[in-house]
Amino acid sequence: MVCILNFHVARALNISYIRAKHLFDLFESLIPTKGRNQGFVTLRFDDASVQQYEYALPILEKFNMHGVLAVPTKWIGDRSRLVQSRYQPMETWDKVKEFVKMGWEIASHSRYHRHDRITKGPWTKLTVKELHEEIIDSKRDIIKNLGIEPYTMVLPGITTAQNPITLREKRLICKQYSALSLSSNLKVFNRLGRNPYNLWAIPLHWSTDIFAKVEKITRISKNKAFWVIFYIHKISDDLSDPLTSMKPSQLKALVEILAADEDLNVVTIRQGVELGCPDQKVQVHQV
């Protein structure tokens, strides 16, 4: 019940985000943690690349895990990106449908991934029409091509500092989605039952001590019953490419580590929100 109040009543009463944030913090402190002796982990794969289809989907399927695929909807089938960029988006929506069949969550990652000057961003500089394209039209693209309504918006940009958002952008997101995932280069943890529009994710990029880092982060997650969201980009054997997060073999080893830990729950963002708010009903937003 606390969980429902900490966001939905605030929105119904049209409380400003700044004032609502204080309510979120207050209610969060009242959420009982007794009996929570497990950690929660989410694997978020950004940009819907071919490599994520080739490697991430079968690797997670082998261990009966479900991830979150964050899709920039106009990148799907964009052949110009296959030529002009080292990053290869999936060629068709049929490949994205395979993720749906395997139980993954499909999140909107905007339409054109405008997040900096090069991509004609950030969002604070967009016109109303451009902002609607990124938030509303990307949702329509997913409904049209997949027949499902996306639950989560994943903000484009390596970090939120690269693509900060104001009340204008956040209010529109809140009208269209039930959760918002942000990105940080810091070790930020989430609590189950917290404000679903302030869910932080941290990058998972290859380094010589990546498994030690993951072990440390997941240990904290378990001890404190925290929820950690990792985000991953390109999966490739070419570690010299700055877009590469890790090799396929490294992703497989990582998933094996997570699967072997009985005190970890690997969840999608939607599952994480609903676990923290078991009485929360799925919202239906108009587009």
Protein backbone atom coordinates (compact mmCIF):
# COMPACT_ATOMS: atom_id res chain seq x y z
CA MET A 1 0.00 0.00 0.00
CA VAL A 2 2.86 2.34 0.79
CA CYS A 3 4.23 1.63 -2.63
CA ILE A 4 1.05 2.75 -4.36
CA LEU A 5 0.93 5.98 -2.41
CA ASN A 6 4.55 6.94 -3.00
CA PHE A 7 3.99 7.61 -6.68
CA HIS A 8 0.43 7.23 -7.88
CA VAL A 9 -1.24 9.46 -5.28
CA ALA A 10 1.42 12.09 -5.90
CA ARG A 11 0.65 12.03 -9.59
CA ALA A 12 -3.12 11.98 -9.06
CA LEU A 13 -2.84 15.06 -6.85
CA ASN A 14 -0.57 16.70 -9.42
CA ILE A 15 2.19 17.19 -6.85
CA SER A 16 5.33 18.61 -8.41
CA TYR A 17 8.27 16.27 -8.89
CA ILE A 18 10.40 18.13 -6.34
CA ARG A 19 7.73 17.86 -3.63
CA ALA A 20 6.88 14.30 -4.67
CA LYS A 21 10.52 13.30 -4.32
CA HIS A 22 10.36 14.08 -0.59
CA LEU A 23 7.27 11.87 -0.35
CA PHE A 24 9.12 9.10 -2.20
CA ASP A 25 12.02 9.29 0.27
CA LEU A 26 9.65 9.29 3.25
CA PHE A 27 7.59 6.34 2.06
CA GLU A 28 10.72 4.44 1.02
CA SER A 29 12.03 4.65 4.58
CA LEU A 30 8.78 3.05 5.79
CA ILE A 31 8.91 0.03 3.46
CA PRO A 32 9.53 -3.08 5.59
CA THR A 33 12.72 -4.97 4.79
CA LYS A 34 12.25 -7.83 7.24
CA GLY A 35 12.58 -11.14 5.47
CA ARG A 36 14.34 -9.69 2.44
CA ASN A 37 17.56 -11.68 2.41
CA GLN A 38 18.14 -11.84 -1.32
CA GLY A 39 19.62 -9.49 -3.86
CA PHE A 40 18.08 -8.55 -7.20
CA VAL A 41 19.94 -8.08 -10.47
CA THR A 42 18.74 -6.85 -13.85
CA LEU A 43 20.67 -7.20 -17.11
CA ARG A 44 19.71 -4.36 -19.45
CA PHE A 45 20.93 -4.54 -23.04
CA ASP A 46 20.86 -1.16 -24.77
CA ASP A 47 20.40 -0.31 -28.47
CA ALA A 48 19.11 -3.68 -29.79
CA SER A 49 22.24 -4.75 -31.65
CA VAL A 50 22.68 -7.81 -33.84
CA GLN A 51 25.28 -9.11 -31.37
CA GLN A 52 22.74 -9.03 -28.56
CA TYR A 53 20.49 -11.22 -30.69
CA GLU A 54 23.33 -13.60 -31.59
CA TYR A 55 24.86 -13.93 -28.12
CA ALA A 56 22.82 -12.47 -25.26
CA LEU A 57 19.51 -14.11 -26.18
CA PRO A 58 20.80 -17.72 -26.38
CA ILE A 59 23.15 -17.33 -23.39
CA LEU A 60 20.40 -16.09 -21.07
CA GLU A 61 17.95 -18.61 -22.47
CA LYS A 62 20.32 -21.45 -21.54
CA PHE A 63 20.09 -20.39 -17.89
CA ASN A 64 16.38 -19.53 -18.03
CA MET A 65 17.08 -15.84 -17.46
CA HIS A 66 15.24 -12.87 -18.91
CA GLY A 67 16.84 -9.53 -19.66
CA VAL A 68 15.62 -6.12 -20.75
CA LEU A 69 16.13 -5.09 -24.38
CA ALA A 70 16.12 -1.31 -24.78
CA VAL A 71 15.14 -0.52 -28.38
CA PRO A 72 15.71 2.74 -30.28
CA THR A 73 12.80 1.99 -32.56
CA LYS A 74 13.92 3.78 -35.74
CA TRP A 75 17.28 1.99 -35.62
CA ILE A 76 15.64 -1.35 -36.37
CA GLY A 77 16.24 -2.11 -40.05
CA ASP A 78 18.14 1.16 -40.58
CA ARG A 79 20.62 -0.02 -43.20
CA SER A 80 22.42 3.32 -43.25
CA ARG A 81 23.64 2.60 -39.72
CA LEU A 82 25.03 -0.74 -40.87
CA VAL A 83 27.31 1.14 -43.28
CA GLN A 84 28.06 4.34 -41.39
CA SER A 85 28.49 2.90 -37.91
CA ARG A 86 30.36 0.03 -36.33
CA TYR A 87 27.24 -0.54 -34.28
CA GLN A 88 24.81 -2.88 -36.04
CA PRO A 89 21.15 -2.70 -35.02
CA MET A 90 18.88 -5.65 -35.68
CA GLU A 91 17.76 -5.81 -39.30
CA THR A 92 14.11 -6.64 -38.65
CA TRP A 93 11.46 -6.54 -35.94
CA ASP A 94 11.18 -10.32 -36.29
CA LYS A 95 14.42 -10.63 -34.36
CA VAL A 96 13.04 -8.42 -31.61
CA LYS A 97 9.99 -10.69 -31.48
CA GLU A 98 12.29 -13.57 -30.53
CA PHE A 99 13.13 -11.72 -27.31
CA VAL A 100 9.42 -11.33 -26.57
CA LYS A 101 8.88 -15.07 -27.09
CA MET A 102 11.67 -15.83 -24.64
CA GLY A 103 10.09 -13.70 -21.92
CA TRP A 104 12.32 -10.64 -22.14
CA GLU A 105 11.03 -7.17 -21.36
CA ILE A 106 11.10 -4.80 -24.34
CA ALA A 107 11.69 -1.22 -23.27
CA SER A 108 11.59 1.96 -25.29
CA HIS A 109 15.03 3.51 -25.74
CA SER A 110 13.50 6.44 -27.65
CA ARG A 111 13.02 6.62 -31.41
CA TYR A 112 16.19 8.22 -32.77
CA HIS A 113 18.45 8.00 -29.68
CA ARG A 114 18.92 11.78 -29.57
CA HIS A 115 21.12 12.33 -26.53
CA ASP A 116 23.96 14.74 -27.42
CA ARG A 117 24.88 17.39 -29.96
CA ILE A 118 25.98 14.83 -32.54
CA THR A 119 22.60 13.10 -32.41
CA LYS A 120 20.68 16.42 -32.27
CA GLY A 121 20.07 16.22 -28.53
CA PRO A 122 20.00 16.37 -25.56
CA TRP A 123 16.31 16.11 -24.73
CA THR A 124 16.21 19.49 -23.01
CA LYS A 125 17.00 21.05 -26.40
CA LEU A 126 14.31 19.17 -28.33
CA THR A 127 11.16 20.80 -29.63
CA VAL A 128 7.82 19.50 -28.35
CA LYS A 129 7.38 17.58 -31.62
CA GLU A 130 10.82 16.00 -31.37
CA LEU A 131 10.28 15.07 -27.73
CA HIS A 132 6.96 13.43 -28.60
CA GLU A 133 8.75 11.43 -31.29
CA GLU A 134 11.27 10.12 -28.78
CA ILE A 135 8.79 9.29 -26.00
CA ILE A 136 5.36 8.72 -27.56
CA ASP A 137 6.12 7.63 -31.12
CA SER A 138 8.74 5.11 -29.96
CA LYS A 139 6.03 3.53 -27.81
CA ARG A 140 3.67 3.45 -30.80
CA ASP A 141 6.39 1.77 -32.88
CA ILE A 142 6.71 -1.03 -30.31
CA ILE A 143 2.94 -1.52 -30.08
CA LYS A 144 2.64 -1.57 -33.89
CA ASN A 145 5.51 -3.98 -34.51
CA LEU A 146 5.29 -6.24 -31.45
CA GLY A 147 1.71 -5.94 -30.28
CA ILE A 148 2.79 -5.16 -26.70
CA GLU A 149 2.86 -1.98 -24.66
CA PRO A 150 6.31 -1.12 -23.28
CA TYR A 151 6.37 -0.79 -19.50
CA THR A 152 9.71 1.01 -19.21
CA MET A 153 11.46 3.95 -20.83
CA VAL A 154 15.27 3.69 -20.86
CA LEU A 155 16.76 7.15 -21.23
CA PRO A 156 19.36 7.27 -24.06
CA GLY A 157 22.89 8.42 -23.25
CA ILE A 158 25.94 6.87 -21.62
CA THR A 159 25.06 8.70 -18.40
CA THR A 160 22.20 10.95 -17.35
CA ALA A 161 24.73 13.79 -17.15
CA GLN A 162 25.08 13.46 -20.93
CA ASN A 163 21.32 13.67 -21.42
CA PRO A 164 19.77 15.34 -18.36
CA ILE A 165 16.02 15.70 -18.16
CA THR A 166 13.79 18.32 -16.59
CA LEU A 167 10.20 18.26 -15.35
CA ARG A 168 8.95 18.75 -18.92
CA GLU A 169 10.48 15.48 -20.11
CA LYS A 170 9.77 13.53 -16.92
CA ARG A 171 6.09 14.46 -16.85
CA LEU A 172 5.62 13.19 -20.40
CA ILE A 173 7.44 9.95 -19.55
CA CYS A 174 5.24 9.46 -16.48
CA LYS A 175 2.11 9.78 -18.63
CA GLN A 176 3.30 7.12 -21.06
CA TYR A 177 5.31 4.58 -19.03
CA SER A 178 5.26 2.84 -15.66
CA ALA A 179 9.03 3.01 -15.07
CA LEU A 180 12.08 5.02 -16.10
CA SER A 181 15.61 3.61 -16.08
CA LEU A 182 18.50 6.08 -15.95
CA SER A 183 22.24 5.50 -16.40
CA SER A 184 25.19 6.38 -14.20
CA ASN A 185 28.90 5.58 -14.12
CA LEU A 186 28.71 5.33 -10.32
CA LYS A 187 27.84 2.28 -8.21
CA VAL A 188 24.22 3.16 -7.61
CA PHE A 189 21.82 0.71 -5.99
CA ASN A 190 18.03 0.71 -6.04
CA ARG A 191 15.57 -0.43 -3.40
CA LEU A 192 12.55 -2.54 -4.19
CA GLY A 193 9.48 -0.39 -3.76
CA ARG A 194 11.24 2.88 -4.48
CA ASN A 195 10.17 5.51 -6.99
CA PRO A 196 9.89 3.54 -10.27
CA TYR A 197 10.79 6.65 -12.26
CA ASN A 198 14.22 6.91 -10.69
CA LEU A 199 15.80 3.51 -11.34
CA TRP A 200 19.56 3.79 -11.81
CA ALA A 201 21.68 1.47 -13.91
CA ILE A 202 25.47 1.11 -13.96
CA PRO A 203 27.64 0.10 -16.93
CA LEU A 204 29.05 -3.38 -17.23
CA HIS A 205 32.17 -3.05 -19.38
CA TRP A 206 35.03 -5.47 -19.65
CA SER A 207 38.07 -4.97 -17.43
CA THR A 208 40.60 -7.36 -15.94
CA ASP A 209 38.77 -7.31 -12.61
CA ILE A 210 35.19 -7.29 -13.91
CA PHE A 211 34.21 -10.48 -12.11
CA ALA A 212 35.63 -9.21 -8.82
CA LYS A 213 33.65 -6.00 -9.28
CA VAL A 214 30.46 -7.90 -10.06
CA GLU A 215 31.00 -10.16 -7.05
CA LYS A 216 31.46 -7.16 -4.79
CA ILE A 217 28.40 -5.38 -6.15
CA THR A 218 26.17 -8.45 -5.94
CA ARG A 219 27.41 -9.18 -2.41
CA ILE A 220 26.29 -5.71 -1.34
CA SER A 221 23.02 -6.29 -3.15
CA LYS A 222 22.39 -9.50 -1.21
CA ASN A 223 23.45 -8.14 2.17
CA LYS A 224 21.26 -5.06 1.88
CA ALA A 225 18.46 -6.55 -0.26
CA PHE A 226 19.29 -3.99 -2.92
CA TRP A 227 18.46 -4.08 -6.62
CA VAL A 228 21.31 -3.46 -9.05
CA ILE A 229 20.67 -2.85 -12.75
CA PHE A 230 23.60 -3.44 -15.11
CA TYR A 231 23.52 -2.08 -18.65
CA ILE A 232 25.45 -3.64 -21.52
CA HIS A 233 26.10 -2.45 -25.06
CA LYS A 234 27.97 -4.25 -27.82
CA ILE A 235 29.06 -7.86 -27.34
CA SER A 236 32.10 -8.61 -29.50
CA ASP A 237 35.53 -10.25 -29.52
CA ASP A 238 36.97 -6.85 -30.48
CA LEU A 239 37.70 -5.28 -27.09
CA SER A 240 39.54 -2.40 -28.76
CA ASP A 241 36.19 -1.05 -29.91
CA PRO A 242 34.99 1.45 -27.25
CA LEU A 243 31.41 0.39 -27.93
CA THR A 244 32.18 -3.17 -26.82
CA SER A 245 31.07 -4.13 -23.32
CA MET A 246 32.51 -7.65 -23.31
CA LYS A 247 33.25 -10.77 -25.32
CA PRO A 248 30.55 -13.43 -25.77
CA SER A 249 32.61 -15.83 -23.65
CA GLN A 250 32.81 -13.24 -20.89
CA LEU A 251 29.07 -12.66 -20.95
CA LYS A 252 28.55 -16.41 -20.69
CA ALA A 253 30.92 -16.61 -17.69
CA LEU A 254 29.13 -13.69 -16.05
CA VAL A 255 25.69 -15.26 -16.49
CA GLU A 256 27.02 -18.54 -15.11
CA ILE A 257 28.17 -16.70 -11.97
CA LEU A 258 24.76 -15.06 -11.51
CA ALA A 259 22.91 -18.32 -12.15
CA ALA A 260 25.01 -20.22 -9.60
CA ASP A 261 24.18 -17.78 -6.79
CA GLU A 262 21.02 -18.98 -5.07
CA ASP A 263 20.70 -15.71 -3.16
CA LEU A 264 20.35 -13.63 -6.32
CA ASN A 265 17.16 -13.07 -8.28
CA VAL A 266 17.65 -12.02 -11.90
CA VAL A 267 14.61 -9.95 -12.86
CA THR A 268 13.41 -7.60 -15.56
CA ILE A 269 12.69 -3.99 -14.64
CA ARG A 270 8.96 -4.66 -14.69
CA GLN A 271 9.41 -7.67 -12.40
CA GLY A 272 11.58 -5.62 -10.04
CA VAL A 273 8.97 -2.89 -9.77
CA GLU A 274 6.14 -5.37 -9.25
CA LEU A 275 8.11 -7.37 -6.66
CA GLY A 276 8.62 -4.18 -4.68
CA CYS A 277 4.97 -3.24 -5.10
CA PRO A 278 3.05 -6.57 -5.12
CA ASP A 279 -0.33 -4.81 -4.88
CA GLN A 280 0.41 -2.49 -7.80
CA LYS A 281 -1.81 -3.04 -10.81
CA VAL A 282 -0.41 -2.74 -14.31
CA GLN A 283 -1.16 0.70 -15.63
CA VAL A 284 -2.59 1.29 -19.06
CA HIS A 285 -1.41 4.57 -20.59
CA GLN A 286 -2.94 6.32 -23.53
CA VAL A 287 -0.81 7.11 -26.56
